N, C-alpha and C. Protein backbone atom coordinates (compact mmCIF):
# COMPACT_ATOMS: atom_id res chain seq x y z
N MET A 1 0.86 -1.16 -0.08
CA MET A 1 0.01 -0.05 0.02
C MET A 1 0.93 1.25 0.04
N GLU A 2 0.65 2.16 -0.85
CA GLU A 2 1.38 3.47 -0.96
C GLU A 2 1.29 4.26 0.42
N GLN A 3 2.32 5.07 0.68
CA GLN A 3 2.27 5.80 1.95
C GLN A 3 1.06 6.66 2.04
N TYR A 4 0.59 7.44 0.98
CA TYR A 4 -0.48 8.25 1.13
C TYR A 4 -1.63 7.35 1.43
N LEU A 5 -1.95 6.34 0.80
CA LEU A 5 -3.06 5.54 1.07
C LEU A 5 -2.91 4.89 2.48
N LEU A 6 -1.88 4.52 2.97
CA LEU A 6 -1.63 3.92 4.22
C LEU A 6 -2.09 5.01 5.33
N ARG A 7 -1.48 6.16 5.24
CA ARG A 7 -1.76 7.34 6.06
C ARG A 7 -3.32 7.51 6.04
N THR A 8 -4.00 7.50 4.95
CA THR A 8 -5.39 7.75 4.86
C THR A 8 -6.18 6.69 5.49
N THR A 9 -5.83 5.36 5.29
CA THR A 9 -6.63 4.44 5.90
C THR A 9 -6.26 4.36 7.42
N LEU A 10 -5.03 4.66 7.89
CA LEU A 10 -4.89 4.66 9.44
C LEU A 10 -5.60 5.83 9.92
N GLN A 11 -5.62 6.97 9.25
CA GLN A 11 -6.52 8.17 9.74
C GLN A 11 -7.99 7.81 9.78
N THR A 12 -8.43 7.11 8.89
CA THR A 12 -9.84 6.54 8.93
C THR A 12 -10.08 5.78 10.12
N LEU A 13 -9.22 4.70 10.35
CA LEU A 13 -9.28 3.84 11.46
C LEU A 13 -9.28 4.62 12.85
N THR A 14 -8.34 5.61 12.98
CA THR A 14 -8.19 6.40 14.15
C THR A 14 -9.55 7.12 14.37
N THR A 15 -10.17 7.63 13.25
CA THR A 15 -11.55 8.35 13.40
C THR A 15 -12.58 7.40 13.80
N MET A 16 -12.52 6.14 13.25
CA MET A 16 -13.46 5.18 13.64
C MET A 16 -13.26 4.77 15.06
N GLU A 17 -12.04 4.62 15.65
CA GLU A 17 -11.79 4.34 17.04
C GLU A 17 -12.45 5.50 17.85
N ASP A 18 -12.27 6.78 17.50
CA ASP A 18 -12.82 7.85 18.29
C ASP A 18 -14.29 7.73 18.26
N LEU A 19 -14.95 7.30 17.23
CA LEU A 19 -16.31 7.17 17.11
C LEU A 19 -16.78 5.94 18.19
N GLU A 20 -16.11 4.89 18.10
CA GLU A 20 -16.44 3.77 18.99
C GLU A 20 -16.39 4.27 20.48
N LEU A 21 -15.36 4.96 20.76
CA LEU A 21 -15.15 5.42 22.17
C LEU A 21 -16.15 6.40 22.60
N THR A 22 -16.68 7.30 21.59
CA THR A 22 -17.59 8.27 21.85
C THR A 22 -19.04 7.61 22.11
N VAL A 23 -19.31 6.50 21.38
CA VAL A 23 -20.54 5.69 21.63
C VAL A 23 -20.37 5.18 23.00
N ALA A 24 -19.22 4.73 23.27
CA ALA A 24 -19.05 4.01 24.73
C ALA A 24 -19.32 5.09 25.70
N ASP A 25 -18.95 6.34 25.55
CA ASP A 25 -19.24 7.44 26.44
C ASP A 25 -20.67 7.77 26.42
N LEU A 26 -21.39 7.52 25.48
CA LEU A 26 -22.95 7.67 25.54
C LEU A 26 -23.53 6.73 26.20
N TYR A 27 -23.12 5.49 26.27
CA TYR A 27 -23.77 4.39 27.18
C TYR A 27 -23.39 4.67 28.54
N LYS A 28 -22.36 5.28 29.02
CA LYS A 28 -22.00 5.22 30.44
C LYS A 28 -22.96 6.11 31.27
N PRO A 29 -23.38 7.40 30.78
CA PRO A 29 -24.54 8.01 31.80
C PRO A 29 -25.84 7.21 31.73
N CYS A 30 -26.07 6.50 30.73
CA CYS A 30 -27.34 5.71 30.66
C CYS A 30 -27.42 4.64 31.87
N SER A 31 -26.25 4.07 31.98
CA SER A 31 -26.18 3.10 33.19
C SER A 31 -26.27 3.70 34.53
N GLN A 32 -25.93 5.02 34.53
CA GLN A 32 -26.06 5.80 35.86
C GLN A 32 -27.54 6.36 35.91
N LEU A 33 -28.07 6.72 34.89
CA LEU A 33 -29.42 7.45 34.84
C LEU A 33 -30.55 6.29 35.16
N TRP A 34 -30.33 5.08 34.65
CA TRP A 34 -31.35 4.04 34.80
C TRP A 34 -30.73 2.76 35.21
N PRO A 35 -30.54 2.84 36.69
CA PRO A 35 -29.72 1.78 37.40
C PRO A 35 -30.48 0.44 37.17
N GLU A 36 -31.91 0.58 37.03
CA GLU A 36 -32.57 -0.86 36.83
C GLU A 36 -32.21 -1.57 35.60
N HIS A 37 -31.52 -0.84 34.67
CA HIS A 37 -31.09 -1.44 33.34
C HIS A 37 -29.43 -1.36 33.42
N LYS A 38 -28.82 -1.05 34.46
CA LYS A 38 -27.44 -0.70 34.43
C LYS A 38 -26.58 -1.89 33.71
N GLU A 39 -26.96 -3.07 33.91
CA GLU A 39 -26.10 -4.05 33.22
C GLU A 39 -26.30 -4.14 31.66
N PHE A 40 -27.46 -3.78 31.20
CA PHE A 40 -27.67 -3.61 29.78
C PHE A 40 -26.79 -2.54 29.22
N TRP A 41 -26.92 -1.33 29.78
CA TRP A 41 -26.05 -0.22 29.31
C TRP A 41 -24.56 -0.41 29.43
N MET A 42 -24.22 -0.98 30.47
CA MET A 42 -22.75 -1.39 30.79
C MET A 42 -22.26 -2.44 29.59
N ASP A 43 -23.11 -3.36 29.35
CA ASP A 43 -22.69 -4.31 28.25
C ASP A 43 -22.44 -3.67 27.03
N MET A 44 -23.43 -2.76 26.68
CA MET A 44 -23.25 -1.84 25.38
C MET A 44 -21.89 -1.09 25.53
N GLU A 45 -21.65 -0.43 26.60
CA GLU A 45 -20.48 0.37 26.70
C GLU A 45 -19.24 -0.48 26.53
N LYS A 46 -19.18 -1.71 27.14
CA LYS A 46 -17.98 -2.68 27.14
C LYS A 46 -17.78 -3.01 25.59
N ALA A 47 -18.89 -3.32 24.92
CA ALA A 47 -18.85 -3.73 23.58
C ALA A 47 -18.16 -2.67 22.72
N GLU A 48 -18.53 -1.45 22.98
CA GLU A 48 -17.83 -0.30 22.12
C GLU A 48 -16.43 -0.18 22.32
N ILE A 49 -16.13 -0.32 23.73
CA ILE A 49 -14.68 -0.27 23.99
C ILE A 49 -13.84 -1.44 23.28
N LYS A 50 -14.51 -2.48 23.28
CA LYS A 50 -13.78 -3.68 22.62
C LYS A 50 -13.71 -3.33 21.15
N HIS A 51 -14.71 -2.85 20.61
CA HIS A 51 -14.62 -2.35 19.09
C HIS A 51 -13.40 -1.50 18.95
N ALA A 52 -13.17 -0.46 19.73
CA ALA A 52 -12.18 0.52 19.57
C ALA A 52 -10.91 -0.31 19.81
N ASP A 53 -10.76 -1.33 20.86
CA ASP A 53 -9.57 -2.06 20.80
C ASP A 53 -9.33 -2.88 19.67
N ASN A 54 -10.34 -3.45 18.85
CA ASN A 54 -10.23 -4.19 17.67
C ASN A 54 -9.63 -3.30 16.62
N ILE A 55 -10.08 -2.01 16.61
CA ILE A 55 -9.64 -0.97 15.56
C ILE A 55 -8.18 -0.62 15.78
N VAL A 56 -7.75 -0.54 17.03
CA VAL A 56 -6.27 -0.34 17.26
C VAL A 56 -5.48 -1.49 16.74
N ARG A 57 -5.95 -2.74 17.00
CA ARG A 57 -5.26 -3.94 16.44
C ARG A 57 -5.26 -4.04 15.14
N MET A 58 -6.36 -3.58 14.44
CA MET A 58 -6.44 -3.51 12.93
C MET A 58 -5.32 -2.68 12.35
N SER A 59 -5.31 -1.37 13.03
CA SER A 59 -4.26 -0.45 12.48
C SER A 59 -2.80 -1.08 12.69
N LYS A 60 -2.52 -1.76 13.60
CA LYS A 60 -1.24 -2.41 13.90
C LYS A 60 -1.02 -3.52 12.75
N ILE A 61 -2.08 -4.14 12.41
CA ILE A 61 -1.91 -5.15 11.28
C ILE A 61 -1.59 -4.45 9.99
N ILE A 62 -2.25 -3.45 9.71
CA ILE A 62 -1.93 -2.75 8.63
C ILE A 62 -0.59 -2.25 8.49
N LEU A 63 0.04 -1.68 9.68
CA LEU A 63 1.36 -1.20 9.65
C LEU A 63 2.28 -2.36 9.51
N GLU A 64 1.92 -3.53 10.19
CA GLU A 64 2.82 -4.71 10.05
C GLU A 64 2.86 -5.36 8.64
N ARG A 65 1.80 -5.28 7.97
CA ARG A 65 1.73 -5.97 6.62
C ARG A 65 1.01 -5.02 5.70
N PRO A 66 1.45 -3.88 5.44
CA PRO A 66 0.78 -3.04 4.42
C PRO A 66 0.68 -3.59 3.04
N GLU A 67 1.50 -4.43 2.70
CA GLU A 67 1.41 -5.02 1.27
C GLU A 67 0.18 -5.82 1.14
N ASN A 68 -0.58 -6.29 2.22
CA ASN A 68 -1.72 -7.14 2.06
C ASN A 68 -3.06 -6.20 2.11
N PHE A 69 -2.90 -5.00 1.78
CA PHE A 69 -4.09 -4.14 2.05
C PHE A 69 -4.13 -3.08 0.70
N GLU A 70 -5.36 -2.92 0.23
CA GLU A 70 -5.58 -1.94 -0.65
C GLU A 70 -6.69 -1.01 -0.24
N LEU A 71 -6.72 0.21 -0.65
CA LEU A 71 -7.70 1.17 -0.19
C LEU A 71 -9.00 0.82 -0.62
N GLY A 72 -10.09 0.74 0.20
CA GLY A 72 -11.40 0.45 -0.19
C GLY A 72 -12.21 1.59 -0.26
N ARG A 73 -13.30 1.61 0.34
CA ARG A 73 -14.24 2.69 0.27
C ARG A 73 -13.69 3.84 1.10
N SER A 74 -13.72 5.00 0.56
CA SER A 74 -13.24 6.28 1.32
C SER A 74 -14.35 6.90 2.19
N PHE A 75 -13.81 7.60 3.25
CA PHE A 75 -14.79 8.17 4.06
C PHE A 75 -14.45 9.63 4.30
N THR A 76 -15.45 10.54 4.58
CA THR A 76 -15.20 11.86 4.75
C THR A 76 -14.94 12.08 6.24
N PHE A 77 -13.86 12.53 6.57
CA PHE A 77 -13.36 12.59 7.94
C PHE A 77 -14.40 13.68 8.65
N ASN A 78 -14.62 14.74 7.96
CA ASN A 78 -15.56 15.74 8.53
C ASN A 78 -16.86 15.21 8.88
N ALA A 79 -17.33 14.42 8.03
CA ALA A 79 -18.75 13.86 8.29
C ALA A 79 -18.74 13.03 9.50
N VAL A 80 -17.65 12.10 9.74
CA VAL A 80 -17.54 11.19 11.00
C VAL A 80 -17.42 12.26 12.14
N LYS A 81 -16.52 13.23 12.07
CA LYS A 81 -16.26 14.15 13.16
C LYS A 81 -17.62 15.03 13.60
N PHE A 82 -18.43 15.25 12.44
CA PHE A 82 -19.74 15.95 12.79
C PHE A 82 -20.63 14.87 13.56
N PHE A 83 -20.53 13.66 13.17
CA PHE A 83 -21.36 12.58 13.75
C PHE A 83 -20.96 12.48 15.24
N ILE A 84 -19.57 12.48 15.37
CA ILE A 84 -19.13 12.31 16.83
C ILE A 84 -19.61 13.56 17.65
N ALA A 85 -19.55 14.75 17.07
CA ALA A 85 -19.99 15.97 17.75
C ALA A 85 -21.60 15.77 18.05
N GLY A 86 -22.35 15.26 17.25
CA GLY A 86 -23.79 15.06 17.46
C GLY A 86 -23.95 14.15 18.63
N ILE A 87 -23.15 13.09 18.68
CA ILE A 87 -23.26 12.11 19.84
C ILE A 87 -22.81 12.79 21.19
N LYS A 88 -21.75 13.67 21.08
CA LYS A 88 -21.33 14.35 22.30
C LYS A 88 -22.38 15.27 22.82
N SER A 89 -23.24 15.86 21.88
CA SER A 89 -24.33 16.70 22.23
C SER A 89 -25.47 15.90 22.93
N ILE A 90 -25.72 14.69 22.56
CA ILE A 90 -26.60 13.67 23.10
C ILE A 90 -26.23 13.38 24.42
N ILE A 91 -24.91 13.10 24.66
CA ILE A 91 -24.24 12.77 25.95
C ILE A 91 -24.57 13.94 27.00
N GLN A 92 -24.27 15.13 26.48
CA GLN A 92 -24.61 16.38 27.34
C GLN A 92 -26.05 16.55 27.78
N ARG A 93 -26.87 16.17 26.80
CA ARG A 93 -28.32 16.24 27.12
C ARG A 93 -28.78 15.03 28.10
N LEU A 94 -28.11 13.89 27.98
CA LEU A 94 -28.27 12.93 28.88
C LEU A 94 -27.94 13.26 30.34
N LYS A 95 -26.72 13.91 30.36
CA LYS A 95 -26.16 14.27 31.71
C LYS A 95 -27.12 15.31 32.37
N GLU A 96 -27.68 16.21 31.38
CA GLU A 96 -28.64 17.08 31.83
C GLU A 96 -30.16 16.69 32.09
N LYS A 97 -30.16 15.36 31.85
CA LYS A 97 -31.52 14.58 32.07
C LYS A 97 -32.75 15.12 31.25
N GLU A 98 -32.30 15.49 29.94
CA GLU A 98 -33.19 16.07 29.07
C GLU A 98 -33.74 14.84 28.18
N ILE A 99 -33.29 13.67 28.33
CA ILE A 99 -33.62 12.53 27.41
C ILE A 99 -34.12 11.45 28.31
N ASP A 100 -35.37 10.88 28.02
CA ASP A 100 -35.82 9.79 28.70
C ASP A 100 -35.16 8.48 28.21
N GLU A 101 -35.23 7.27 28.87
CA GLU A 101 -34.68 6.06 28.45
C GLU A 101 -35.09 5.62 27.14
N ILE A 102 -36.38 5.65 26.87
CA ILE A 102 -36.92 5.25 25.55
C ILE A 102 -36.16 5.96 24.38
N LYS A 103 -36.07 7.36 24.54
CA LYS A 103 -35.54 8.26 23.61
C LYS A 103 -33.96 7.84 23.51
N ALA A 104 -33.27 7.64 24.50
CA ALA A 104 -31.95 7.17 24.66
C ALA A 104 -31.81 5.87 23.81
N LEU A 105 -32.71 4.96 24.04
CA LEU A 105 -32.61 3.63 23.37
C LEU A 105 -32.86 3.89 21.72
N LEU A 106 -33.77 4.75 21.42
CA LEU A 106 -34.11 5.07 20.03
C LEU A 106 -32.83 5.72 19.42
N LEU A 107 -32.25 6.64 20.12
CA LEU A 107 -31.09 7.24 19.55
C LEU A 107 -29.83 6.29 19.45
N ALA A 108 -29.76 5.39 20.37
CA ALA A 108 -28.72 4.41 20.37
C ALA A 108 -28.76 3.50 19.25
N ARG A 109 -30.08 3.09 19.03
CA ARG A 109 -30.45 2.22 17.88
C ARG A 109 -30.01 2.81 16.56
N ASP A 110 -30.43 4.15 16.37
CA ASP A 110 -30.13 4.87 15.16
C ASP A 110 -28.63 5.01 14.88
N ILE A 111 -27.89 5.19 15.95
CA ILE A 111 -26.46 5.21 15.81
C ILE A 111 -25.91 3.78 15.36
N GLU A 112 -26.34 2.83 16.03
CA GLU A 112 -25.87 1.49 15.66
C GLU A 112 -26.25 1.21 14.15
N GLN A 113 -27.59 1.52 13.80
CA GLN A 113 -27.93 1.56 12.36
C GLN A 113 -27.04 2.34 11.40
N SER A 114 -26.62 3.48 11.92
CA SER A 114 -25.86 4.39 10.94
C SER A 114 -24.43 3.61 10.68
N TYR A 115 -23.83 2.94 11.72
CA TYR A 115 -22.70 2.20 11.53
C TYR A 115 -22.84 1.22 10.37
N LEU A 116 -23.95 0.49 10.49
CA LEU A 116 -24.18 -0.64 9.37
C LEU A 116 -24.31 0.14 8.06
N GLU A 117 -24.93 1.20 7.94
CA GLU A 117 -25.27 1.90 6.65
C GLU A 117 -23.94 2.52 6.20
N SER A 118 -23.02 2.91 7.11
CA SER A 118 -21.87 3.53 6.60
C SER A 118 -20.94 2.63 5.84
N LYS A 119 -21.07 1.27 6.17
CA LYS A 119 -20.26 0.25 5.43
C LYS A 119 -18.84 0.52 5.72
N TYR A 120 -18.48 0.82 6.98
CA TYR A 120 -17.05 0.97 7.26
C TYR A 120 -16.26 -0.21 7.20
N VAL A 121 -16.89 -1.30 7.19
CA VAL A 121 -16.16 -2.50 6.96
C VAL A 121 -15.50 -2.58 5.58
N GLU A 122 -15.87 -1.65 4.74
CA GLU A 122 -15.36 -1.65 3.39
C GLU A 122 -14.19 -0.57 3.16
N ILE A 123 -13.64 -0.20 4.35
CA ILE A 123 -12.51 0.87 4.19
C ILE A 123 -11.20 0.39 3.54
N THR A 124 -11.05 -0.93 3.55
CA THR A 124 -9.81 -1.48 3.00
C THR A 124 -10.24 -2.85 2.45
N LYS A 125 -9.42 -3.19 1.28
CA LYS A 125 -9.64 -4.57 0.87
C LYS A 125 -8.49 -5.45 1.07
N THR A 126 -8.68 -6.52 1.63
CA THR A 126 -7.63 -7.44 2.08
C THR A 126 -8.16 -8.85 2.09
N GLU A 127 -7.12 -9.81 2.10
CA GLU A 127 -7.50 -11.12 2.42
C GLU A 127 -6.73 -11.62 3.81
N ASP A 128 -6.27 -10.55 4.54
CA ASP A 128 -5.55 -10.93 5.77
C ASP A 128 -6.78 -11.39 6.81
N ASN A 129 -6.71 -12.59 7.16
CA ASN A 129 -7.65 -13.24 7.95
C ASN A 129 -7.92 -12.59 9.38
N GLU A 130 -6.85 -12.30 9.95
CA GLU A 130 -6.82 -11.64 11.38
C GLU A 130 -7.71 -10.42 11.23
N PHE A 131 -7.25 -9.44 10.18
CA PHE A 131 -7.91 -8.25 10.03
C PHE A 131 -9.54 -8.44 9.72
N LYS A 132 -9.67 -9.30 8.79
CA LYS A 132 -11.22 -9.60 8.49
C LYS A 132 -11.86 -10.08 9.62
N SER A 133 -11.29 -11.01 10.38
CA SER A 133 -11.93 -11.47 11.56
C SER A 133 -12.42 -10.40 12.55
N LEU A 134 -11.42 -9.40 12.83
CA LEU A 134 -11.73 -8.34 13.78
C LEU A 134 -12.98 -7.48 13.22
N MET A 135 -12.73 -7.27 11.75
CA MET A 135 -13.90 -6.37 11.20
C MET A 135 -15.22 -7.05 11.32
N ARG A 136 -15.28 -8.41 10.94
CA ARG A 136 -16.41 -9.21 11.09
C ARG A 136 -17.06 -9.16 12.43
N GLU A 137 -16.28 -9.22 13.39
CA GLU A 137 -16.61 -9.15 14.78
C GLU A 137 -17.37 -7.75 15.21
N ILE A 138 -16.73 -6.74 14.72
CA ILE A 138 -17.31 -5.31 14.90
C ILE A 138 -18.87 -5.34 14.14
N HIS A 139 -18.73 -5.82 13.04
CA HIS A 139 -20.00 -5.81 12.22
C HIS A 139 -21.14 -6.56 12.81
N SER A 140 -20.78 -7.89 13.24
CA SER A 140 -21.88 -8.82 13.70
C SER A 140 -22.17 -8.27 15.12
N ASP A 141 -21.30 -7.70 15.89
CA ASP A 141 -21.72 -7.13 17.17
C ASP A 141 -22.70 -5.92 17.05
N THR A 142 -22.46 -5.20 15.94
CA THR A 142 -23.22 -3.94 15.66
C THR A 142 -24.67 -4.44 15.27
N VAL A 143 -24.78 -5.52 14.39
CA VAL A 143 -26.09 -5.99 14.07
C VAL A 143 -26.77 -6.42 15.33
N PHE A 144 -26.09 -7.38 16.19
CA PHE A 144 -26.64 -7.62 17.53
C PHE A 144 -27.05 -6.49 18.38
N HIS A 145 -26.32 -5.56 18.39
CA HIS A 145 -26.55 -4.19 19.26
C HIS A 145 -27.98 -3.64 18.73
N ARG A 146 -28.14 -3.48 17.40
CA ARG A 146 -29.33 -3.06 16.85
C ARG A 146 -30.53 -3.76 17.28
N GLU A 147 -30.34 -5.12 17.39
CA GLU A 147 -31.58 -5.95 17.63
C GLU A 147 -31.68 -5.94 19.12
N TYR A 148 -30.68 -5.85 19.91
CA TYR A 148 -30.71 -5.82 21.38
C TYR A 148 -31.35 -4.59 21.88
N LEU A 149 -30.98 -3.51 21.18
CA LEU A 149 -31.69 -2.33 21.40
C LEU A 149 -33.18 -2.31 20.94
N ASN A 150 -33.49 -2.95 20.00
CA ASN A 150 -35.03 -3.20 19.54
C ASN A 150 -35.76 -3.82 20.45
N GLN A 151 -35.12 -4.96 21.08
CA GLN A 151 -35.82 -5.73 21.91
C GLN A 151 -36.02 -4.84 23.32
N LYS A 152 -35.01 -4.12 23.75
CA LYS A 152 -35.19 -3.31 24.92
C LYS A 152 -36.27 -2.26 24.77
N ILE A 153 -36.36 -1.73 23.49
CA ILE A 153 -37.42 -0.66 23.27
C ILE A 153 -38.77 -1.22 23.33
N LYS A 154 -38.96 -2.53 22.83
CA LYS A 154 -40.21 -3.14 22.87
C LYS A 154 -40.59 -3.56 24.34
N GLU A 155 -39.63 -3.95 25.09
CA GLU A 155 -39.79 -4.33 26.40
C GLU A 155 -40.21 -3.07 27.23
N LEU A 156 -39.59 -1.92 27.13
CA LEU A 156 -39.94 -0.80 27.86
C LEU A 156 -41.26 -0.19 27.45
N ALA A 157 -41.47 -0.23 26.06
CA ALA A 157 -42.85 0.18 25.48
C ALA A 157 -44.01 -0.51 25.99
N THR A 158 -43.81 -1.80 26.35
CA THR A 158 -44.99 -2.55 26.81
C THR A 158 -45.05 -2.69 28.31
N SER A 159 -44.12 -2.10 29.08
CA SER A 159 -44.20 -2.25 30.48
C SER A 159 -44.81 -0.92 31.14
């Protein structure tokens, strides 16, 4: 992989790591605001931290074996940073108790859905099995999160 493409790919991964950690930060106040569902929110937070760790490992893999990678789908860093700023705004509103739990669940589900729609699993092309495994794990966890959130929304809407 050329140096410019390598830097661009690593920058994209760093931005995605920031996004994962910001989403983890979103779930943290939820576990404090709604202690009756603390375990649910903490599970979500831990999963996002694990995703960030996966992304750090993925960056290391690219640095160790750049010849195994090609640039895939490009991303607009400003769009992701704008998305992160929006999540930080939601976090602030949560801390100020302006959002109820159902709304928090809906927002979280929309965020997880936007991950899936962003197709960030396509940022690079590779046959590197370790990299692909980490990316698949993030993707499958995100699909699970969306369904887990939908389940919790239904549960709270009917109670």
